[in-house]
Amino acid sequence: MTGRYTIFRLTLGQIAQILRPLPPVALVPFAILWFKLGEASKYFLVFWGVFFPVWLNTHLGILAVDKHYLWAAQSMGAKGKTILFEILLPAASPAIVAGLRVAIGIAFYCLIAAEIAGAFSGVAYRIAISHLTFRVDRMVANLIVLGLMSVVVDRSLTWLLFKLMPWTKADQSNGEEK
């Protein structure tokens, strides 16, 4: 909406621009205060971390769509949902995909921060406990598990997006252009 309509860009877009620089790690104490120790605080921190890169890339991708495509579709009678799903989203999909891939990494950072700050399970919790007991071998093993999880999620998303949007030309093996 903020990439398509000026009123949303001037209202919601500005609010998002003000909130965007707030790092999720700085919100850990607030998340614990508002949502207590548990899953809700993790969900909040991950949502906060991933929302802004996805929104910003989608916003800029929609703004970058050539107006000639919109004018051509409108001259042929296209309206509302047709323009959104057949012109705007396909044209903005490379930017949206970039935002989603950045968000994956940020989601892991936020999850780690949330688990270290107040969790009783999870890979980051195990890393923190290993640190306290001077078990470097377990810390390294859990870091490797965390890295592998990140790679699997990124590759899975890349594969899925390639299947859903083949025009993005995302190579499923390494995420680069063909």
N, C-alpha and C. Protein backbone atom coordinates (compact mmCIF):
# COMPACT_ATOMS: atom_id res chain seq x y z
N MET A 1 0.83 -1.20 0.00
CA MET A 1 0.00 0.00 0.00
C MET A 1 0.87 1.26 0.00
N THR A 2 1.99 1.23 0.76
CA THR A 2 2.82 2.43 0.83
C THR A 2 3.57 2.68 -0.49
N GLY A 3 3.77 1.64 -1.28
CA GLY A 3 4.41 1.82 -2.56
C GLY A 3 3.45 2.22 -3.66
N ARG A 4 2.17 2.06 -3.42
CA ARG A 4 1.17 2.30 -4.46
C ARG A 4 0.38 3.59 -4.26
N TYR A 5 0.06 3.92 -3.01
CA TYR A 5 -0.81 5.07 -2.74
C TYR A 5 -0.09 6.10 -1.89
N THR A 6 -0.13 7.34 -2.35
CA THR A 6 0.58 8.43 -1.68
C THR A 6 0.11 8.62 -0.24
N ILE A 7 -1.18 8.50 0.02
CA ILE A 7 -1.70 8.73 1.37
C ILE A 7 -1.10 7.73 2.36
N PHE A 8 -0.93 6.48 1.93
CA PHE A 8 -0.32 5.47 2.80
C PHE A 8 1.19 5.71 2.95
N ARG A 9 1.83 6.16 1.87
CA ARG A 9 3.26 6.46 1.93
C ARG A 9 3.53 7.60 2.90
N LEU A 10 2.64 8.60 2.91
CA LEU A 10 2.84 9.76 3.78
C LEU A 10 2.43 9.49 5.22
N THR A 11 1.63 8.47 5.47
CA THR A 11 1.21 8.18 6.85
C THR A 11 1.92 6.93 7.37
N LEU A 12 1.49 5.77 6.93
CA LEU A 12 2.08 4.51 7.41
C LEU A 12 3.55 4.39 7.04
N GLY A 13 3.89 4.86 5.86
CA GLY A 13 5.30 4.80 5.42
C GLY A 13 6.20 5.60 6.33
N GLN A 14 5.75 6.76 6.76
CA GLN A 14 6.57 7.59 7.64
C GLN A 14 6.70 6.97 9.04
N ILE A 15 5.62 6.37 9.52
CA ILE A 15 5.68 5.69 10.82
C ILE A 15 6.67 4.53 10.75
N ALA A 16 6.60 3.76 9.67
CA ALA A 16 7.53 2.64 9.50
C ALA A 16 8.97 3.14 9.41
N GLN A 17 9.19 4.26 8.74
CA GLN A 17 10.55 4.80 8.63
C GLN A 17 11.08 5.25 9.99
N ILE A 18 10.20 5.71 10.86
CA ILE A 18 10.63 6.11 12.20
C ILE A 18 10.97 4.89 13.05
N LEU A 19 10.18 3.83 12.94
CA LEU A 19 10.38 2.63 13.75
C LEU A 19 11.48 1.72 13.21
N ARG A 20 11.76 1.80 11.93
CA ARG A 20 12.70 0.89 11.27
C ARG A 20 14.09 0.87 11.89
N PRO A 21 14.67 1.99 12.31
CA PRO A 21 16.03 1.94 12.86
C PRO A 21 16.14 1.30 14.26
N LEU A 22 15.02 1.08 14.93
CA LEU A 22 15.09 0.48 16.27
C LEU A 22 15.52 -0.98 16.16
N PRO A 23 16.69 -1.33 16.69
CA PRO A 23 17.17 -2.71 16.55
C PRO A 23 16.38 -3.68 17.42
N PRO A 24 16.09 -4.85 16.90
CA PRO A 24 15.34 -5.84 17.68
C PRO A 24 16.02 -6.22 18.99
N VAL A 25 17.34 -6.23 19.00
CA VAL A 25 18.07 -6.60 20.22
C VAL A 25 17.78 -5.59 21.34
N ALA A 26 17.62 -4.32 20.97
CA ALA A 26 17.32 -3.31 21.98
C ALA A 26 15.92 -3.48 22.55
N LEU A 27 15.06 -4.20 21.85
CA LEU A 27 13.69 -4.42 22.30
C LEU A 27 13.53 -5.68 23.15
N VAL A 28 14.61 -6.43 23.37
CA VAL A 28 14.53 -7.66 24.17
C VAL A 28 13.95 -7.39 25.55
N PRO A 29 14.44 -6.39 26.30
CA PRO A 29 13.85 -6.16 27.63
C PRO A 29 12.36 -5.82 27.57
N PHE A 30 11.96 -5.05 26.57
CA PHE A 30 10.55 -4.71 26.42
C PHE A 30 9.72 -5.93 26.06
N ALA A 31 10.26 -6.78 25.19
CA ALA A 31 9.54 -8.00 24.80
C ALA A 31 9.32 -8.89 26.01
N ILE A 32 10.33 -9.01 26.85
CA ILE A 32 10.19 -9.83 28.06
C ILE A 32 9.19 -9.19 29.02
N LEU A 33 9.24 -7.87 29.13
CA LEU A 33 8.30 -7.16 30.01
C LEU A 33 6.86 -7.29 29.51
N TRP A 34 6.66 -7.12 28.21
CA TRP A 34 5.31 -7.15 27.66
C TRP A 34 4.76 -8.57 27.51
N PHE A 35 5.62 -9.49 27.06
CA PHE A 35 5.14 -10.83 26.72
C PHE A 35 5.65 -11.92 27.65
N LYS A 36 6.42 -11.55 28.66
CA LYS A 36 7.01 -12.49 29.63
C LYS A 36 8.02 -13.39 28.91
N LEU A 37 8.63 -14.28 29.65
CA LEU A 37 9.54 -15.26 29.06
C LEU A 37 8.71 -16.33 28.38
N GLY A 38 8.94 -16.52 27.14
CA GLY A 38 8.16 -17.53 26.42
C GLY A 38 8.19 -17.28 24.93
N GLU A 39 7.35 -18.00 24.25
CA GLU A 39 7.33 -17.96 22.80
C GLU A 39 6.84 -16.62 22.24
N ALA A 40 5.90 -15.98 22.91
CA ALA A 40 5.34 -14.73 22.38
C ALA A 40 6.42 -13.65 22.24
N SER A 41 7.33 -13.57 23.20
CA SER A 41 8.40 -12.56 23.10
C SER A 41 9.33 -12.89 21.93
N LYS A 42 9.60 -14.17 21.69
CA LYS A 42 10.42 -14.56 20.53
C LYS A 42 9.72 -14.18 19.23
N TYR A 43 8.43 -14.48 19.14
CA TYR A 43 7.67 -14.15 17.93
C TYR A 43 7.69 -12.65 17.67
N PHE A 44 7.52 -11.87 18.74
CA PHE A 44 7.52 -10.42 18.59
C PHE A 44 8.86 -9.93 18.05
N LEU A 45 9.96 -10.40 18.64
CA LEU A 45 11.28 -9.94 18.21
C LEU A 45 11.60 -10.37 16.78
N VAL A 46 11.24 -11.59 16.43
CA VAL A 46 11.48 -12.04 15.06
C VAL A 46 10.62 -11.24 14.09
N PHE A 47 9.35 -11.02 14.43
CA PHE A 47 8.48 -10.22 13.57
C PHE A 47 9.05 -8.82 13.40
N TRP A 48 9.48 -8.20 14.49
CA TRP A 48 10.03 -6.85 14.42
C TRP A 48 11.25 -6.83 13.50
N GLY A 49 12.09 -7.83 13.64
CA GLY A 49 13.31 -7.86 12.84
C GLY A 49 13.08 -8.09 11.36
N VAL A 50 12.11 -8.93 11.01
CA VAL A 50 11.92 -9.27 9.59
C VAL A 50 10.94 -8.35 8.88
N PHE A 51 10.08 -7.70 9.60
CA PHE A 51 9.07 -6.87 8.96
C PHE A 51 9.69 -5.76 8.11
N PHE A 52 10.64 -5.04 8.66
CA PHE A 52 11.14 -3.84 7.99
C PHE A 52 11.94 -4.13 6.71
N PRO A 53 12.82 -5.14 6.67
CA PRO A 53 13.48 -5.41 5.38
C PRO A 53 12.50 -5.88 4.30
N VAL A 54 11.53 -6.68 4.69
CA VAL A 54 10.55 -7.15 3.70
C VAL A 54 9.68 -5.97 3.25
N TRP A 55 9.22 -5.17 4.20
CA TRP A 55 8.39 -4.01 3.83
C TRP A 55 9.17 -3.04 2.95
N LEU A 56 10.39 -2.71 3.34
CA LEU A 56 11.15 -1.71 2.59
C LEU A 56 11.46 -2.19 1.18
N ASN A 57 11.86 -3.43 1.03
CA ASN A 57 12.14 -3.95 -0.31
C ASN A 57 10.87 -4.03 -1.15
N THR A 58 9.76 -4.43 -0.54
CA THR A 58 8.50 -4.47 -1.27
C THR A 58 8.07 -3.06 -1.68
N HIS A 59 8.16 -2.13 -0.75
CA HIS A 59 7.83 -0.73 -0.99
C HIS A 59 8.64 -0.17 -2.16
N LEU A 60 9.95 -0.35 -2.10
CA LEU A 60 10.81 0.18 -3.16
C LEU A 60 10.61 -0.57 -4.48
N GLY A 61 10.34 -1.86 -4.40
CA GLY A 61 10.07 -2.63 -5.62
C GLY A 61 8.81 -2.16 -6.32
N ILE A 62 7.77 -1.88 -5.55
CA ILE A 62 6.52 -1.38 -6.13
C ILE A 62 6.73 0.02 -6.71
N LEU A 63 7.48 0.87 -6.01
CA LEU A 63 7.75 2.22 -6.52
C LEU A 63 8.54 2.18 -7.83
N ALA A 64 9.38 1.14 -8.00
CA ALA A 64 10.23 1.06 -9.18
C ALA A 64 9.53 0.51 -10.41
N VAL A 65 8.30 0.03 -10.27
CA VAL A 65 7.58 -0.52 -11.43
C VAL A 65 7.35 0.60 -12.44
N ASP A 66 7.69 0.31 -13.67
CA ASP A 66 7.55 1.29 -14.74
C ASP A 66 6.08 1.68 -14.91
N LYS A 67 5.82 2.96 -14.89
CA LYS A 67 4.45 3.47 -15.02
C LYS A 67 3.81 3.07 -16.34
N HIS A 68 4.62 2.83 -17.36
CA HIS A 68 4.07 2.43 -18.66
C HIS A 68 3.33 1.09 -18.56
N TYR A 69 3.83 0.18 -17.72
CA TYR A 69 3.14 -1.09 -17.52
C TYR A 69 1.76 -0.86 -16.91
N LEU A 70 1.71 0.02 -15.92
CA LEU A 70 0.43 0.32 -15.27
C LEU A 70 -0.52 1.00 -16.25
N TRP A 71 -0.02 1.97 -17.02
CA TRP A 71 -0.88 2.66 -17.97
C TRP A 71 -1.39 1.70 -19.04
N ALA A 72 -0.53 0.80 -19.50
CA ALA A 72 -0.94 -0.16 -20.53
C ALA A 72 -2.03 -1.08 -19.98
N ALA A 73 -1.85 -1.57 -18.75
CA ALA A 73 -2.85 -2.46 -18.15
C ALA A 73 -4.16 -1.72 -17.93
N GLN A 74 -4.10 -0.48 -17.47
CA GLN A 74 -5.31 0.29 -17.23
C GLN A 74 -6.02 0.62 -18.54
N SER A 75 -5.27 0.86 -19.60
CA SER A 75 -5.90 1.15 -20.88
C SER A 75 -6.62 -0.07 -21.45
N MET A 76 -6.21 -1.25 -20.98
CA MET A 76 -6.88 -2.48 -21.42
C MET A 76 -7.98 -2.91 -20.46
N GLY A 77 -8.27 -2.06 -19.47
CA GLY A 77 -9.38 -2.32 -18.56
C GLY A 77 -9.03 -3.01 -17.26
N ALA A 78 -7.75 -3.22 -16.98
CA ALA A 78 -7.34 -3.88 -15.73
C ALA A 78 -7.57 -2.93 -14.56
N LYS A 79 -8.00 -3.50 -13.45
CA LYS A 79 -8.26 -2.72 -12.24
C LYS A 79 -7.79 -3.49 -11.02
N GLY A 80 -7.64 -2.79 -9.91
CA GLY A 80 -7.39 -3.34 -8.58
C GLY A 80 -6.54 -4.58 -8.47
N LYS A 81 -7.20 -5.71 -8.20
CA LYS A 81 -6.49 -6.96 -7.95
C LYS A 81 -5.72 -7.44 -9.18
N THR A 82 -6.25 -7.21 -10.35
CA THR A 82 -5.56 -7.63 -11.57
C THR A 82 -4.24 -6.89 -11.70
N ILE A 83 -4.26 -5.59 -11.47
CA ILE A 83 -3.02 -4.81 -11.55
C ILE A 83 -2.05 -5.27 -10.46
N LEU A 84 -2.56 -5.51 -9.27
CA LEU A 84 -1.69 -5.94 -8.17
C LEU A 84 -1.02 -7.27 -8.47
N PHE A 85 -1.83 -8.28 -8.84
CA PHE A 85 -1.30 -9.64 -8.98
C PHE A 85 -0.66 -9.94 -10.33
N GLU A 86 -1.00 -9.15 -11.37
CA GLU A 86 -0.44 -9.45 -12.68
C GLU A 86 0.58 -8.44 -13.17
N ILE A 87 0.65 -7.28 -12.53
CA ILE A 87 1.63 -6.26 -12.95
C ILE A 87 2.59 -5.95 -11.80
N LEU A 88 2.06 -5.45 -10.70
CA LEU A 88 2.92 -4.94 -9.63
C LEU A 88 3.76 -6.02 -8.94
N LEU A 89 3.12 -7.08 -8.46
CA LEU A 89 3.87 -8.11 -7.73
C LEU A 89 4.90 -8.83 -8.61
N PRO A 90 4.54 -9.24 -9.84
CA PRO A 90 5.59 -9.86 -10.67
C PRO A 90 6.76 -8.90 -10.96
N ALA A 91 6.46 -7.64 -11.22
CA ALA A 91 7.53 -6.69 -11.53
C ALA A 91 8.39 -6.39 -10.31
N ALA A 92 7.78 -6.39 -9.13
CA ALA A 92 8.51 -6.09 -7.89
C ALA A 92 9.10 -7.34 -7.25
N SER A 93 8.85 -8.50 -7.80
CA SER A 93 9.26 -9.74 -7.14
C SER A 93 10.77 -9.87 -6.90
N PRO A 94 11.66 -9.39 -7.78
CA PRO A 94 13.08 -9.48 -7.43
C PRO A 94 13.42 -8.72 -6.15
N ALA A 95 12.84 -7.55 -5.96
CA ALA A 95 13.09 -6.79 -4.74
C ALA A 95 12.47 -7.48 -3.53
N ILE A 96 11.29 -8.05 -3.70
CA ILE A 96 10.63 -8.75 -2.60
C ILE A 96 11.44 -9.97 -2.19
N VAL A 97 11.94 -10.71 -3.17
CA VAL A 97 12.78 -11.89 -2.90
C VAL A 97 14.04 -11.47 -2.14
N ALA A 98 14.65 -10.38 -2.55
CA ALA A 98 15.84 -9.89 -1.84
C ALA A 98 15.50 -9.57 -0.39
N GLY A 99 14.37 -8.93 -0.16
CA GLY A 99 13.95 -8.62 1.21
C GLY A 99 13.69 -9.87 2.03
N LEU A 100 13.08 -10.87 1.42
CA LEU A 100 12.83 -12.12 2.14
C LEU A 100 14.13 -12.83 2.51
N ARG A 101 15.09 -12.82 1.61
CA ARG A 101 16.36 -13.50 1.90
C ARG A 101 17.14 -12.76 2.98
N VAL A 102 17.12 -11.45 2.98
CA VAL A 102 17.75 -10.69 4.06
C VAL A 102 17.04 -10.97 5.38
N ALA A 103 15.71 -11.07 5.32
CA ALA A 103 14.91 -11.30 6.52
C ALA A 103 15.23 -12.64 7.17
N ILE A 104 15.61 -13.64 6.38
CA ILE A 104 15.97 -14.94 6.96
C ILE A 104 17.13 -14.79 7.92
N GLY A 105 18.17 -14.11 7.49
CA GLY A 105 19.33 -13.90 8.36
C GLY A 105 18.96 -13.10 9.60
N ILE A 106 18.17 -12.07 9.43
CA ILE A 106 17.76 -11.25 10.56
C ILE A 106 16.88 -12.05 11.52
N ALA A 107 16.05 -12.92 10.98
CA ALA A 107 15.20 -13.77 11.84
C ALA A 107 16.06 -14.63 12.75
N PHE A 108 17.15 -15.17 12.23
CA PHE A 108 18.03 -15.98 13.07
C PHE A 108 18.72 -15.12 14.12
N TYR A 109 19.15 -13.91 13.77
CA TYR A 109 19.76 -13.02 14.76
C TYR A 109 18.78 -12.72 15.89
N CYS A 110 17.56 -12.40 15.51
CA CYS A 110 16.55 -12.06 16.51
C CYS A 110 16.21 -13.26 17.39
N LEU A 111 16.12 -14.42 16.79
CA LEU A 111 15.83 -15.62 17.56
C LEU A 111 16.95 -15.92 18.55
N ILE A 112 18.19 -15.74 18.12
CA ILE A 112 19.33 -15.95 19.01
C ILE A 112 19.27 -14.97 20.17
N ALA A 113 19.03 -13.70 19.88
CA ALA A 113 18.95 -12.69 20.95
C ALA A 113 17.84 -13.03 21.92
N ALA A 114 16.70 -13.45 21.41
CA ALA A 114 15.57 -13.78 22.28
C ALA A 114 15.87 -15.01 23.14
N GLU A 115 16.50 -16.01 22.56
CA GLU A 115 16.79 -17.22 23.32
C GLU A 115 17.87 -16.99 24.37
N ILE A 116 18.87 -16.21 24.05
CA ILE A 116 19.93 -15.95 25.03
C ILE A 116 19.38 -15.12 26.18
N ALA A 117 18.49 -14.18 25.87
CA ALA A 117 17.97 -13.28 26.89
C ALA A 117 17.00 -13.96 27.85
N GLY A 118 16.26 -14.93 27.38
CA GLY A 118 15.28 -15.51 28.30
C GLY A 118 14.56 -16.70 27.73
N ALA A 119 15.28 -17.78 27.55
CA ALA A 119 14.63 -19.00 27.08
C ALA A 119 15.20 -20.18 27.86
N PHE A 120 14.51 -21.28 27.79
CA PHE A 120 14.94 -22.48 28.48
C PHE A 120 15.17 -23.63 27.51
N SER A 121 15.16 -23.31 26.21
CA SER A 121 15.44 -24.31 25.19
C SER A 121 15.85 -23.58 23.92
N GLY A 122 16.35 -24.34 22.96
CA GLY A 122 16.74 -23.78 21.68
C GLY A 122 18.25 -23.84 21.50
N VAL A 123 18.67 -23.66 20.26
CA VAL A 123 20.10 -23.75 19.93
C VAL A 123 20.88 -22.64 20.61
N ALA A 124 20.37 -21.41 20.57
CA ALA A 124 21.09 -20.30 21.20
C ALA A 124 21.15 -20.47 22.72
N TYR A 125 20.11 -21.02 23.30
CA TYR A 125 20.13 -21.31 24.74
C TYR A 125 21.25 -22.31 25.04
N ARG A 126 21.39 -23.31 24.19
CA ARG A 126 22.45 -24.30 24.39
C ARG A 126 23.83 -23.68 24.23
N ILE A 127 23.96 -22.73 23.32
CA ILE A 127 25.24 -22.04 23.15
C ILE A 127 25.56 -21.25 24.42
N ALA A 128 24.57 -20.56 24.96
CA ALA A 128 24.79 -19.77 26.18
C ALA A 128 25.16 -20.67 27.36
N ILE A 129 24.48 -21.78 27.51
CA ILE A 129 24.78 -22.71 28.60
C ILE A 129 26.17 -23.30 28.41
N SER A 130 26.55 -23.64 27.18
CA SER A 130 27.89 -24.17 26.91
C SER A 130 28.95 -23.14 27.27
N HIS A 131 28.65 -21.88 27.02
CA HIS A 131 29.58 -20.82 27.38
C HIS A 131 29.79 -20.76 28.89
N LEU A 132 28.69 -20.87 29.63
CA LEU A 132 28.79 -20.79 31.09
C LEU A 132 29.54 -21.98 31.70
N THR A 133 29.50 -23.12 31.03
CA THR A 133 30.17 -24.32 31.54
C THR A 133 31.51 -24.57 30.84
N PHE A 134 31.97 -23.60 30.07
CA PHE A 134 33.26 -23.68 29.37
C PHE A 134 33.36 -24.89 28.44
N ARG A 135 32.27 -25.22 27.78
CA ARG A 135 32.24 -26.34 26.83
C ARG A 135 32.31 -25.77 25.41
N VAL A 136 33.52 -25.47 24.99
CA VAL A 136 33.74 -24.87 23.67
C VAL A 136 33.32 -25.84 22.57
N ASP A 137 33.52 -27.13 22.78
CA ASP A 137 33.13 -28.11 21.78
C ASP A 137 31.62 -28.06 21.50
N ARG A 138 30.83 -27.93 22.56
CA ARG A 138 29.37 -27.84 22.38
C ARG A 138 28.97 -26.51 21.76
N MET A 139 29.68 -25.44 22.13
CA MET A 139 29.39 -24.14 21.52
C MET A 139 29.60 -24.20 20.02
N VAL A 140 30.74 -24.77 19.60
CA VAL A 140 31.06 -24.86 18.17
C VAL A 140 30.05 -25.77 17.47
N ALA A 141 29.71 -26.88 18.08
CA ALA A 141 28.73 -27.80 17.48
C ALA A 141 27.38 -27.12 17.29
N ASN A 142 26.94 -26.36 18.28
CA ASN A 142 25.66 -25.66 18.16
C ASN A 142 25.73 -24.52 17.15
N LEU A 143 26.88 -23.87 17.05
CA LEU A 143 27.04 -22.85 16.01
C LEU A 143 26.97 -23.46 14.61
N ILE A 144 27.55 -24.64 14.46
CA ILE A 144 27.47 -25.33 13.17
C ILE A 144 26.02 -25.71 12.87
N VAL A 145 25.31 -26.20 13.88
CA VAL A 145 23.88 -26.53 13.70
C VAL A 145 23.11 -25.28 13.30
N LEU A 146 23.38 -24.17 13.94
CA LEU A 146 22.71 -22.91 13.62
C LEU A 146 23.00 -22.48 12.19
N GLY A 147 24.25 -22.58 11.77
CA GLY A 147 24.62 -22.24 10.40
C GLY A 147 23.93 -23.14 9.38
N LEU A 148 23.89 -24.44 9.68
CA LEU A 148 23.22 -25.38 8.78
C LEU A 148 21.73 -25.10 8.69
N MET A 149 21.11 -24.77 9.82
CA MET A 149 19.69 -24.42 9.80
C MET A 149 19.45 -23.21 8.92
N SER A 150 20.31 -22.22 9.03
CA SER A 150 20.17 -21.01 8.23
C SER A 150 20.30 -21.31 6.75
N VAL A 151 21.27 -22.14 6.39
CA VAL A 151 21.47 -22.49 4.99
C VAL A 151 20.27 -23.27 4.45
N VAL A 152 19.76 -24.20 5.24
CA VAL A 152 18.60 -25.00 4.80
C VAL A 152 17.39 -24.10 4.58
N VAL A 153 17.15 -23.18 5.49
CA VAL A 153 16.00 -22.29 5.34
C VAL A 153 16.17 -21.39 4.12
N ASP A 154 17.37 -20.83 3.93
CA ASP A 154 17.62 -19.96 2.79
C ASP A 154 17.47 -20.72 1.48
N ARG A 155 18.05 -21.90 1.39
CA ARG A 155 17.96 -22.69 0.16
C ARG A 155 16.52 -23.15 -0.09
N SER A 156 15.81 -23.49 0.95
CA SER A 156 14.40 -23.89 0.79
C SER A 156 13.57 -22.74 0.26
N LEU A 157 13.78 -21.55 0.82
CA LEU A 157 13.05 -20.38 0.34
C LEU A 157 13.42 -20.07 -1.10
N THR A 158 14.70 -20.13 -1.44
CA THR A 158 15.14 -19.87 -2.81
C THR A 158 14.50 -20.86 -3.78
N TRP A 159 14.49 -22.14 -3.41
CA TRP A 159 13.88 -23.16 -4.26
C TRP A 159 12.38 -22.90 -4.44
N LEU A 160 11.69 -22.62 -3.33
CA LEU A 160 10.26 -22.37 -3.39
C LEU A 160 9.95 -21.15 -4.26
N LEU A 161 10.70 -20.07 -4.07
CA LEU A 161 10.48 -18.87 -4.86
C LEU A 161 10.78 -19.10 -6.34
N PHE A 162 11.79 -19.91 -6.62
CA PHE A 162 12.10 -20.24 -8.01
C PHE A 162 10.94 -21.00 -8.66
N LYS A 163 10.32 -21.90 -7.89
CA LYS A 163 9.19 -22.66 -8.42
C LYS A 163 7.95 -21.77 -8.59
N LEU A 164 7.73 -20.87 -7.63
CA LEU A 164 6.55 -20.01 -7.69
C LEU A 164 6.71 -18.84 -8.66
N MET A 165 7.94 -18.33 -8.78
CA MET A 165 8.20 -17.16 -9.61
C MET A 165 9.43 -17.40 -10.48
N PRO A 166 9.31 -18.21 -11.53
CA PRO A 166 10.49 -18.53 -12.34
C PRO A 166 11.08 -17.33 -13.07
N TRP A 167 10.31 -16.26 -13.22
CA TRP A 167 10.82 -15.08 -13.91
C TRP A 167 11.88 -14.34 -13.10
N THR A 168 12.01 -14.65 -11.80
CA THR A 168 13.04 -13.99 -11.00
C THR A 168 14.42 -14.53 -11.32
N LYS A 169 14.50 -15.69 -11.98
CA LYS A 169 15.75 -16.31 -12.40
C LYS A 169 16.69 -16.59 -11.25
N ALA A 170 16.13 -16.84 -10.07
CA ALA A 170 16.96 -17.18 -8.92
C ALA A 170 17.46 -18.61 -9.08
N ASP A 171 18.76 -18.77 -9.09
CA ASP A 171 19.34 -20.11 -9.19
C ASP A 171 19.15 -20.81 -7.87
N GLN A 172 18.54 -22.00 -7.91
CA GLN A 172 18.23 -22.69 -6.67
C GLN A 172 19.46 -23.23 -5.97
N SER A 173 20.61 -23.34 -6.63
CA SER A 173 21.77 -23.89 -5.97
C SER A 173 22.53 -22.87 -5.16
N ASN A 174 22.64 -21.62 -5.66
CA ASN A 174 23.43 -20.64 -4.91
C ASN A 174 22.78 -19.27 -4.82
N GLY A 175 21.57 -19.10 -5.33
CA GLY A 175 20.85 -17.85 -5.17
C GLY A 175 21.30 -16.75 -6.10
N GLU A 176 22.24 -17.03 -7.02
CA GLU A 176 22.73 -16.00 -7.94
C GLU A 176 21.90 -16.03 -9.23
N GLU A 177 22.03 -14.98 -10.01
CA GLU A 177 21.32 -14.92 -11.29
C GLU A 177 21.96 -15.89 -12.26
N LYS A 178 21.14 -16.43 -13.14
CA LYS A 178 21.66 -17.34 -14.18
C LYS A 178 22.32 -16.56 -15.28
